[in-house]
Amino acid sequence: MDKHIKNQLKGKRLLLLGGSLWKDAIKKIADEYEIVLVATGNSQNAGIFEIASEQYQVNSTDAEEMKKLIIEKKIDGVYMGGNEAVISAACVYLNELGLPCYCKKNQWDALQDKRIFKELCIRHNLPCVPEVKLEQVCEENVEFPVITKPADGCGSSGFKVCHNAKELKEGITKARTNSPTKQVIVEKFVKNDGVVVFYTISKGKLYFSGLEDKYPVRYKEHGSYVGGLFVFESSLKEIFREKFEKNISDLVADLGIKEGSFWIEVFYDGSDFYFNEAGYRYGGSASIYPINYMYGINQVAADIFYALTGKSEIKNFISIIPEKVMKKKYYAVYPLYSRAGKVSEISGYLTLQKSPEIVTVISKISLQDEIKESGTFSQAVTLIHFVFDDINELQGTIEKIHNVYKVLDQDGNNMIERMLNIKNVSLK
């Protein structure tokens, strides 16, 4: 451990606004560097309340109340977590207080709002999916299929593939309902197998942090796609970096971004890439773990260090990867999706955690939770991270997961659905 880093963090008071999905990583870092954790938010059931020594029930998006809490409790720094609404609000009041914050509101909006991001991509010669203007939709001058989505949504909420005028009308209504600003994007449908590229930024410099293959699966009744499997490292890595990394770096510089981490989802139809959307935060599948495993960058520790010191550092931190995890060629994130129902039993968690190929099992649910049918990533009740060397090991671990891990409803039925067809997974 770097004693210089510990000396700067020891005894500091860190306010957590989120990060429940990776609470174990936060606690490991806090314990190692002797950081005092303080939690706040609307729900005492949130995971950050389990690891904090002080807890307060203040709405993280209420700027005036949060500023009072930060001052009264002598908070040294604030860790925002990964919730979009919380980050959007917190970056404003943290900058007003003069506390370290990795982003400014205009930077956050630029990478959160699909319209602004698309304009930035076009400006920096990054290819995007052709858009269908709403006025063309009114004229019924549309070549199907197309997709509809909210301009500022996430997690597949409000997304629909439309094959005719009736579905298009339904898709526009669905997208508008799921958009905070009621804005809709209509685009040509392209094959949405693709990749997600990750970067870490320190002192304005871009550090490549991985390219993962994303294998989508479809909720047919909703017309929506969600991630069925994520695999690091993509065989397209070198091609992608050579074609686009300079342009991406220029885009980041254009926004004046100096710190933090971000990802970009890019569709790949076998010959062409289409930049789709970005996030100025960790990936929703807890991308902090594969990035630490593959590249040695502990993004959580880096963000905490910056929040508490205002200094930028992305190396020399402890790892959040358990020591028992074997070194393998590939890293997978496998989401488990649940049918609608009420959770009465969860089993197999500890058994999986002991396996040397399993990095972490992240449960997003608790007993008595009601799972609702949404056709979005919110139906992923558990994220299982593991490593493997070839397709046989991948398939074997997935089979093991389904044999061991169960989420039962009140009638004793397993609520976990098998969404992924392993035959669609190709490792080159």
Protein backbone atom coordinates (compact mmCIF):
# COMPACT_ATOMS: atom_id res chain seq x y z
CA MET A 1 0.00 0.00 0.00
CA ASP A 2 1.18 3.52 -0.80
CA LYS A 3 1.70 5.22 2.60
CA HIS A 4 1.70 8.64 0.96
CA ILE A 5 -1.87 8.06 -0.24
CA LYS A 6 -2.98 6.72 3.14
CA ASN A 7 -1.54 9.74 4.95
CA GLN A 8 -3.68 12.02 2.79
CA LEU A 9 -6.87 10.03 3.37
CA LYS A 10 -6.62 8.84 6.98
CA GLY A 11 -9.42 10.23 9.14
CA LYS A 12 -11.13 12.09 6.27
CA ARG A 13 -14.93 12.19 6.32
CA LEU A 14 -16.48 10.97 3.07
CA LEU A 15 -20.19 11.46 2.39
CA LEU A 16 -21.73 8.72 0.24
CA LEU A 17 -24.66 9.65 -1.98
CA GLY A 18 -24.71 6.31 -3.79
CA GLY A 19 -22.67 3.29 -4.76
CA SER A 20 -24.74 0.59 -3.07
CA LEU A 21 -24.08 -1.92 -5.87
CA TRP A 22 -20.35 -1.78 -5.14
CA LYS A 23 -20.57 -1.14 -1.40
CA ASP A 24 -18.06 -3.93 -0.73
CA ALA A 25 -15.48 -2.13 -2.86
CA ILE A 26 -16.14 1.18 -1.08
CA LYS A 27 -15.82 -0.48 2.33
CA LYS A 28 -12.59 -2.22 1.37
CA ILE A 29 -11.08 1.09 0.28
CA ALA A 30 -12.37 2.93 3.38
CA ASP A 31 -11.02 0.27 5.73
CA GLU A 32 -7.62 0.21 4.03
CA TYR A 33 -7.16 3.98 4.08
CA GLU A 34 -9.01 4.61 7.36
CA ILE A 35 -11.68 6.84 5.84
CA VAL A 36 -14.81 7.68 7.85
CA LEU A 37 -17.93 6.86 5.83
CA VAL A 38 -21.10 8.91 6.18
CA ALA A 39 -24.25 8.00 4.21
CA THR A 40 -27.35 9.90 3.22
CA GLY A 41 -30.33 9.35 0.95
CA ASN A 42 -34.04 8.59 0.92
CA SER A 43 -33.86 4.93 1.87
CA GLN A 44 -32.24 3.49 4.98
CA ASN A 45 -32.30 0.13 3.16
CA ALA A 46 -29.68 1.30 0.66
CA GLY A 47 -26.42 -0.63 0.84
CA ILE A 48 -24.34 2.45 1.64
CA PHE A 49 -26.14 2.69 4.99
CA GLU A 50 -24.80 -0.77 5.89
CA ILE A 51 -21.16 0.30 5.57
CA ALA A 52 -21.31 3.86 6.97
CA SER A 53 -20.60 4.75 10.58
CA GLU A 54 -22.98 7.72 10.36
CA GLN A 55 -26.33 7.79 8.55
CA TYR A 56 -28.66 10.67 7.70
CA GLN A 57 -31.91 10.65 5.78
CA VAL A 58 -31.55 13.71 3.56
CA ASN A 59 -32.59 13.69 -0.09
CA SER A 60 -29.37 13.76 -2.14
CA THR A 61 -31.01 15.89 -4.83
CA ASP A 62 -32.19 18.59 -2.38
CA ALA A 63 -29.42 21.15 -2.87
CA GLU A 64 -30.11 23.42 0.11
CA GLU A 65 -30.53 20.58 2.61
CA MET A 66 -27.45 18.83 1.28
CA LYS A 67 -25.32 21.95 1.58
CA LYS A 68 -26.45 22.31 5.21
CA LEU A 69 -25.61 18.66 5.93
CA ILE A 70 -22.16 18.90 4.34
CA ILE A 71 -21.27 22.01 6.35
CA GLU A 72 -22.78 20.90 9.67
CA LYS A 73 -21.22 17.43 9.60
CA LYS A 74 -17.82 18.74 8.54
CA ILE A 75 -17.69 16.61 5.41
CA ASP A 76 -14.30 16.59 3.65
CA GLY A 77 -15.53 15.18 0.35
CA VAL A 78 -18.54 13.69 -1.40
CA TYR A 79 -18.74 10.48 -3.43
CA MET A 80 -21.73 10.70 -5.76
CA GLY A 81 -22.12 7.07 -6.81
CA GLY A 82 -23.75 6.16 -10.12
CA ASN A 83 -27.34 7.41 -10.06
CA GLU A 84 -27.99 9.89 -12.88
CA ALA A 85 -30.45 12.09 -10.97
CA VAL A 86 -28.15 12.31 -7.95
CA ILE A 87 -25.04 13.15 -10.00
CA SER A 88 -26.95 15.77 -12.02
CA ALA A 89 -28.03 17.57 -8.85
CA ALA A 90 -24.91 17.00 -6.74
CA CYS A 91 -22.39 18.29 -9.26
CA VAL A 92 -24.14 21.69 -9.05
CA TYR A 93 -24.13 22.11 -5.27
CA LEU A 94 -20.65 20.61 -4.86
CA ASN A 95 -19.25 23.15 -7.30
CA GLU A 96 -21.15 25.90 -5.45
CA LEU A 97 -19.55 24.78 -2.19
CA GLY A 98 -16.12 24.63 -3.77
CA LEU A 99 -15.72 20.93 -2.98
CA PRO A 100 -13.85 18.69 -5.44
CA CYS A 101 -16.21 17.29 -8.08
CA TYR A 102 -15.12 15.43 -11.18
CA CYS A 103 -17.70 17.09 -13.43
CA LYS A 104 -19.51 20.34 -14.09
CA LYS A 105 -23.19 20.42 -15.01
CA ASN A 106 -22.61 21.31 -18.67
CA GLN A 107 -20.14 18.42 -19.01
CA TRP A 108 -22.56 16.01 -17.35
CA ASP A 109 -25.43 17.12 -19.59
CA ALA A 110 -23.32 16.81 -22.74
CA LEU A 111 -22.60 13.13 -22.13
CA GLN A 112 -26.01 12.35 -20.63
CA ASP A 113 -28.27 13.94 -23.25
CA LYS A 114 -28.29 11.79 -26.39
CA ARG A 115 -29.03 14.79 -28.63
CA ILE A 116 -26.05 16.83 -27.39
CA PHE A 117 -23.78 13.79 -27.48
CA LYS A 118 -24.80 13.02 -31.05
CA GLU A 119 -24.02 16.59 -32.11
CA LEU A 120 -20.61 16.28 -30.46
CA CYS A 121 -19.92 13.01 -32.26
CA ILE A 122 -20.80 14.52 -35.62
CA ARG A 123 -18.58 17.54 -34.86
CA HIS A 124 -15.67 15.21 -34.13
CA ASN A 125 -16.23 12.84 -37.07
CA LEU A 126 -17.52 9.94 -35.00
CA PRO A 127 -20.17 8.02 -37.00
CA CYS A 128 -23.73 7.92 -35.64
CA VAL A 129 -26.92 6.06 -36.56
CA PRO A 130 -28.90 8.03 -39.20
CA GLU A 131 -31.74 9.93 -37.55
CA VAL A 132 -35.32 10.24 -38.76
CA LYS A 133 -36.68 13.71 -38.07
CA LEU A 134 -40.07 13.84 -36.37
CA GLU A 135 -41.45 15.97 -39.21
CA GLN A 136 -40.65 13.09 -41.56
CA VAL A 137 -42.50 10.77 -39.23
CA CYS A 138 -45.59 12.96 -39.52
CA GLU A 139 -45.36 12.67 -43.30
CA GLU A 140 -45.08 8.88 -42.95
CA ASN A 141 -41.90 9.07 -44.98
CA VAL A 142 -40.19 6.35 -42.97
CA GLU A 143 -38.18 3.33 -44.07
CA PHE A 144 -38.79 0.62 -41.44
CA PRO A 145 -37.53 -0.73 -39.14
CA VAL A 146 -36.65 2.24 -36.93
CA ILE A 147 -36.08 2.63 -33.20
CA THR A 148 -37.60 5.14 -30.82
CA LYS A 149 -35.98 6.20 -27.56
CA PRO A 150 -36.06 9.07 -25.07
CA ALA A 151 -33.43 11.72 -25.70
CA ASP A 152 -32.32 11.58 -22.07
CA GLY A 153 -33.24 8.16 -20.72
CA CYS A 154 -31.11 5.20 -19.67
CA GLY A 155 -31.22 1.47 -19.01
CA SER A 156 -33.34 0.70 -22.12
CA SER A 157 -36.28 2.60 -20.61
CA GLY A 158 -38.60 3.84 -23.34
CA PHE A 159 -36.76 2.01 -26.14
CA LYS A 160 -38.73 0.28 -28.90
CA VAL A 161 -38.03 -1.27 -32.30
CA CYS A 162 -40.81 -0.29 -34.71
CA HIS A 163 -41.68 -2.19 -37.89
CA ASN A 164 -44.73 -0.24 -39.05
CA ALA A 165 -46.61 3.06 -38.56
CA LYS A 166 -48.70 1.71 -35.68
CA GLU A 167 -45.65 0.52 -33.72
CA LEU A 168 -43.90 3.82 -34.47
CA LYS A 169 -46.75 5.80 -32.96
CA GLU A 170 -46.67 3.57 -29.88
CA GLY A 171 -42.88 3.90 -29.69
CA ILE A 172 -42.97 7.69 -29.78
CA THR A 173 -45.51 7.74 -26.94
CA LYS A 174 -43.43 5.27 -24.92
CA ALA A 175 -40.21 7.24 -25.44
CA ARG A 176 -41.86 10.55 -24.53
CA THR A 177 -43.30 9.03 -21.33
CA ASN A 178 -39.81 7.89 -20.29
CA SER A 179 -38.05 11.16 -21.11
CA PRO A 180 -37.65 13.74 -18.32
CA THR A 181 -37.71 16.45 -21.00
CA LYS A 182 -40.38 14.70 -23.14
CA GLN A 183 -37.98 14.65 -26.08
CA VAL A 184 -37.86 11.73 -28.52
CA ILE A 185 -35.24 10.40 -30.93
CA VAL A 186 -36.18 8.26 -33.94
CA GLU A 187 -33.33 6.48 -35.73
CA LYS A 188 -32.77 3.88 -38.38
CA PHE A 189 -32.53 0.43 -36.82
CA VAL A 190 -29.06 -1.07 -37.12
CA LYS A 191 -27.80 -4.37 -35.81
CA ASN A 192 -27.32 -3.54 -32.15
CA ASP A 193 -24.64 -6.05 -31.29
CA GLY A 194 -21.77 -3.88 -30.34
CA VAL A 195 -19.09 -2.77 -27.97
CA VAL A 196 -18.75 -0.46 -24.99
CA VAL A 197 -15.52 1.49 -24.67
CA PHE A 198 -14.31 2.71 -21.27
CA TYR A 199 -11.93 5.52 -20.39
CA THR A 200 -10.50 6.96 -17.20
CA ILE A 201 -9.47 10.63 -17.23
CA SER A 202 -6.76 12.15 -15.05
CA LYS A 203 -5.50 15.72 -15.39
CA GLY A 204 -7.20 15.92 -18.77
CA LYS A 205 -5.41 12.86 -20.15
CA LEU A 206 -7.40 9.96 -21.51
CA TYR A 207 -6.50 6.44 -20.29
CA PHE A 208 -8.00 3.58 -22.28
CA SER A 209 -9.75 1.26 -19.82
CA GLY A 210 -11.18 -1.50 -21.97
CA LEU A 211 -13.45 -2.45 -24.82
CA GLU A 212 -16.15 -4.96 -24.00
CA ASP A 213 -18.35 -6.93 -26.37
CA LYS A 214 -22.02 -6.49 -25.54
CA TYR A 215 -24.43 -9.28 -26.43
CA PRO A 216 -28.00 -7.98 -26.37
CA VAL A 217 -31.08 -10.06 -25.60
CA ARG A 218 -34.63 -9.01 -26.39
CA TYR A 219 -37.85 -8.65 -24.42
CA LYS A 220 -40.17 -9.46 -27.32
CA GLU A 221 -43.31 -8.21 -25.59
CA HIS A 222 -41.70 -4.81 -25.00
CA GLY A 223 -39.68 -4.54 -28.20
CA SER A 224 -36.66 -3.60 -26.10
CA TYR A 225 -33.11 -4.91 -25.88
CA VAL A 226 -31.00 -5.32 -22.76
CA GLY A 227 -27.47 -6.54 -22.16
CA GLY A 228 -27.42 -10.35 -21.95
CA LEU A 229 -23.66 -10.68 -21.52
CA PHE A 230 -20.66 -8.34 -21.43
CA VAL A 231 -17.17 -9.67 -22.23
CA PHE A 232 -13.76 -7.97 -21.86
CA GLU A 233 -11.54 -7.81 -23.93
CA SER A 234 -13.07 -7.37 -27.35
CA SER A 235 -11.14 -8.61 -30.38
CA LEU A 236 -12.06 -5.27 -31.98
CA LYS A 237 -9.93 -3.31 -29.50
CA GLU A 238 -7.01 -2.43 -31.76
CA ILE A 239 -9.22 -1.59 -34.76
CA PHE A 240 -11.47 0.59 -32.64
CA ARG A 241 -8.65 2.49 -30.95
CA GLU A 242 -6.85 3.13 -34.22
CA LYS A 243 -9.99 4.46 -35.90
CA PHE A 244 -11.51 6.56 -33.12
CA GLU A 245 -9.36 7.25 -30.08
CA LYS A 246 -7.89 10.54 -31.36
CA ASN A 247 -11.39 11.82 -32.17
CA ILE A 248 -12.71 10.74 -28.76
CA SER A 249 -9.79 12.51 -27.09
CA ASP A 250 -10.61 15.67 -29.02
CA LEU A 251 -14.27 15.42 -27.95
CA VAL A 252 -13.24 15.18 -24.29
CA ALA A 253 -10.91 18.14 -24.67
CA ASP A 254 -13.70 20.09 -26.38
CA LEU A 255 -15.84 19.64 -23.25
CA GLY A 256 -12.96 20.59 -20.96
CA ILE A 257 -13.21 17.33 -19.03
CA LYS A 258 -10.27 16.81 -16.68
CA GLU A 259 -11.30 13.99 -14.31
CA GLY A 260 -13.57 10.99 -13.88
CA SER A 261 -14.54 8.04 -16.01
CA PHE A 262 -16.92 7.53 -18.89
CA TRP A 263 -18.14 4.95 -21.35
CA ILE A 264 -19.57 5.01 -24.87
CA GLU A 265 -21.85 2.38 -26.37
CA VAL A 266 -21.08 1.74 -30.03
CA PHE A 267 -23.07 -0.50 -32.37
CA TYR A 268 -21.13 -2.71 -34.79
CA ASP A 269 -22.90 -4.36 -37.71
CA GLY A 270 -19.94 -6.42 -38.88
CA SER A 271 -18.37 -3.68 -40.99
CA ASP A 272 -19.38 -0.27 -39.63
CA PHE A 273 -19.41 1.34 -36.18
CA TYR A 274 -22.20 3.66 -34.98
CA PHE A 275 -21.72 5.73 -31.83
CA ASN A 276 -24.95 5.53 -29.83
CA GLU A 277 -24.77 6.97 -26.30
CA ALA A 278 -22.40 7.80 -23.46
CA GLY A 279 -22.31 7.92 -19.69
CA TYR A 280 -20.09 10.13 -17.54
CA ARG A 281 -20.03 7.56 -14.74
CA TYR A 282 -19.32 3.85 -14.24
CA GLY A 283 -21.13 1.35 -16.43
CA GLY A 284 -24.42 0.03 -15.04
CA SER A 285 -22.99 -3.49 -14.92
CA ALA A 286 -20.39 -2.35 -12.33
CA SER A 287 -17.59 -1.88 -14.86
CA ILE A 288 -15.26 -0.86 -12.03
CA TYR A 289 -14.38 -4.54 -11.47
CA PRO A 290 -13.28 -5.60 -14.99
CA ILE A 291 -11.39 -2.31 -15.40
CA ASN A 292 -9.48 -2.98 -12.18
CA TYR A 293 -8.88 -6.63 -13.19
CA MET A 294 -7.77 -5.94 -16.77
CA TYR A 295 -6.03 -2.57 -16.43
CA GLY A 296 -5.13 -2.16 -12.76
CA ILE A 297 -7.17 1.05 -12.46
CA ASN A 298 -9.31 1.28 -9.33
CA GLN A 299 -11.79 3.93 -10.46
CA VAL A 300 -13.64 3.97 -7.13
CA ALA A 301 -10.47 4.66 -5.16
CA ALA A 302 -9.43 7.30 -7.70
CA ASP A 303 -12.80 9.06 -7.38
CA ILE A 304 -12.71 8.89 -3.58
CA PHE A 305 -9.15 10.23 -3.52
CA TYR A 306 -10.10 13.14 -5.77
CA ALA A 307 -13.25 13.87 -3.75
CA LEU A 308 -11.27 14.05 -0.50
CA THR A 309 -8.09 15.78 -1.71
CA GLY A 310 -8.83 17.52 -5.00
CA LYS A 311 -5.79 15.70 -6.40
CA SER A 312 -5.77 13.41 -9.41
CA GLU A 313 -4.34 9.88 -9.10
CA ILE A 314 -5.38 6.68 -10.88
CA LYS A 315 -2.57 4.29 -9.90
CA ASN A 316 -1.01 3.06 -6.64
CA PHE A 317 -4.33 2.15 -4.99
CA ILE A 318 -5.27 -1.23 -3.56
CA SER A 319 -7.21 -3.61 -5.81
CA ILE A 320 -10.90 -4.38 -5.33
CA ILE A 321 -10.44 -7.81 -6.94
CA PRO A 322 -10.41 -10.67 -4.37
CA GLU A 323 -7.04 -12.42 -4.10
CA LYS A 324 -8.60 -15.84 -4.75
CA VAL A 325 -9.60 -14.89 -8.31
CA MET A 326 -7.53 -16.67 -10.94
CA LYS A 327 -5.80 -14.90 -13.82
CA LYS A 328 -7.70 -15.61 -17.02
CA LYS A 329 -7.86 -14.22 -20.55
CA TYR A 330 -11.46 -12.92 -20.49
CA TYR A 331 -13.71 -11.17 -18.00
CA ALA A 332 -17.51 -11.57 -18.16
CA VAL A 333 -20.42 -9.77 -16.57
CA TYR A 334 -23.54 -11.92 -16.67
CA PRO A 335 -26.82 -10.24 -15.65
CA LEU A 336 -29.57 -12.46 -14.27
CA TYR A 337 -33.03 -11.24 -15.26
CA SER A 338 -36.11 -12.02 -13.22
CA ARG A 339 -39.73 -12.62 -14.10
CA ALA A 340 -42.32 -10.46 -12.36
CA GLY A 341 -43.14 -11.56 -8.84
CA LYS A 342 -42.37 -11.17 -5.15
CA VAL A 343 -39.00 -12.40 -3.86
CA SER A 344 -39.33 -14.89 -1.01
CA GLU A 345 -35.94 -16.62 -1.08
CA ILE A 346 -32.45 -16.02 -2.51
CA SER A 347 -29.94 -18.88 -2.43
CA GLY A 348 -26.56 -19.84 -3.84
CA TYR A 349 -24.88 -16.49 -3.21
CA LEU A 350 -22.19 -17.76 -0.82
CA THR A 351 -21.49 -20.88 -2.89
CA LEU A 352 -20.77 -18.82 -5.98
CA GLN A 353 -18.69 -16.29 -4.06
CA LYS A 354 -16.28 -19.06 -2.99
CA SER A 355 -15.59 -20.19 -6.56
CA PRO A 356 -12.12 -19.09 -7.76
CA GLU A 357 -13.45 -17.89 -11.13
CA ILE A 358 -16.14 -15.67 -9.57
CA VAL A 359 -15.04 -12.08 -8.91
CA THR A 360 -18.22 -10.80 -7.31
CA VAL A 361 -21.95 -11.50 -7.06
CA ILE A 362 -23.87 -8.23 -6.91
CA SER A 363 -27.45 -8.62 -5.75
CA LYS A 364 -29.78 -5.73 -6.57
CA ILE A 365 -32.73 -7.15 -4.63
CA SER A 366 -33.83 -8.03 -1.09
CA LEU A 367 -36.39 -10.42 0.33
CA GLN A 368 -40.00 -9.31 -0.21
CA ASP A 369 -39.04 -7.04 -3.12
CA GLU A 370 -41.66 -6.89 -5.85
CA ILE A 371 -40.14 -7.36 -9.32
CA LYS A 372 -42.18 -5.64 -12.00
CA GLU A 373 -42.27 -6.39 -15.71
CA SER A 374 -40.55 -3.47 -17.49
CA GLY A 375 -38.43 -4.88 -20.30
CA THR A 376 -35.48 -2.81 -19.05
CA PHE A 377 -32.16 -3.37 -17.30
CA SER A 378 -33.97 -2.86 -13.99
CA GLN A 379 -35.18 -6.46 -14.30
CA ALA A 380 -31.56 -7.61 -13.89
CA VAL A 381 -31.73 -8.63 -10.24
CA THR A 382 -28.16 -9.89 -9.95
CA LEU A 383 -24.87 -9.21 -11.73
CA ILE A 384 -22.36 -12.04 -11.68
CA HIS A 385 -18.76 -11.23 -12.59
CA PHE A 386 -16.39 -14.05 -13.52
CA VAL A 387 -13.26 -14.81 -15.52
CA PHE A 388 -12.62 -17.53 -18.12
CA ASP A 389 -10.20 -18.63 -20.84
CA ASP A 390 -12.40 -20.03 -23.61
CA ILE A 391 -15.98 -20.61 -24.76
CA ASN A 392 -16.21 -23.93 -22.92
CA GLU A 393 -15.31 -22.31 -19.60
CA LEU A 394 -17.79 -19.51 -20.32
CA GLN A 395 -20.59 -21.95 -20.98
CA GLY A 396 -19.64 -24.10 -17.98
CA THR A 397 -19.71 -21.14 -15.58
CA ILE A 398 -23.06 -19.95 -16.90
CA GLU A 399 -24.50 -23.44 -16.40
CA LYS A 400 -23.06 -23.51 -12.89
CA ILE A 401 -24.63 -20.13 -12.10
CA HIS A 402 -28.09 -21.31 -13.14
CA ASN A 403 -27.72 -24.57 -11.25
CA VAL A 404 -26.60 -22.88 -8.03
CA TYR A 405 -28.18 -19.42 -7.83
CA LYS A 406 -31.94 -19.21 -7.27
CA VAL A 407 -34.43 -16.43 -6.69
CA LEU A 408 -37.76 -17.96 -5.62
CA ASP A 409 -41.21 -16.42 -5.54
CA GLN A 410 -43.88 -17.10 -2.91
CA ASP A 411 -44.90 -20.32 -4.67
CA GLY A 412 -41.34 -21.66 -4.74
CA ASN A 413 -40.86 -21.02 -8.46
CA ASN A 414 -37.49 -19.85 -9.73
CA MET A 415 -37.91 -16.31 -11.04
CA ILE A 416 -34.63 -16.23 -13.01
CA GLU A 417 -35.08 -16.29 -16.79
CA ARG A 418 -32.51 -17.68 -19.22
CA MET A 419 -32.24 -14.84 -21.73
CA LEU A 420 -28.90 -15.53 -23.45
CA ASN A 421 -28.32 -18.01 -26.28
CA ILE A 422 -24.69 -19.04 -25.82
CA LYS A 423 -24.50 -19.88 -29.55
CA ASN A 424 -24.64 -16.14 -30.28
CA VAL A 425 -21.42 -15.57 -28.34
CA SER A 426 -18.27 -15.52 -30.45
CA LEU A 427 -14.76 -15.29 -28.99
CA LYS A 428 -12.07 -14.58 -31.55
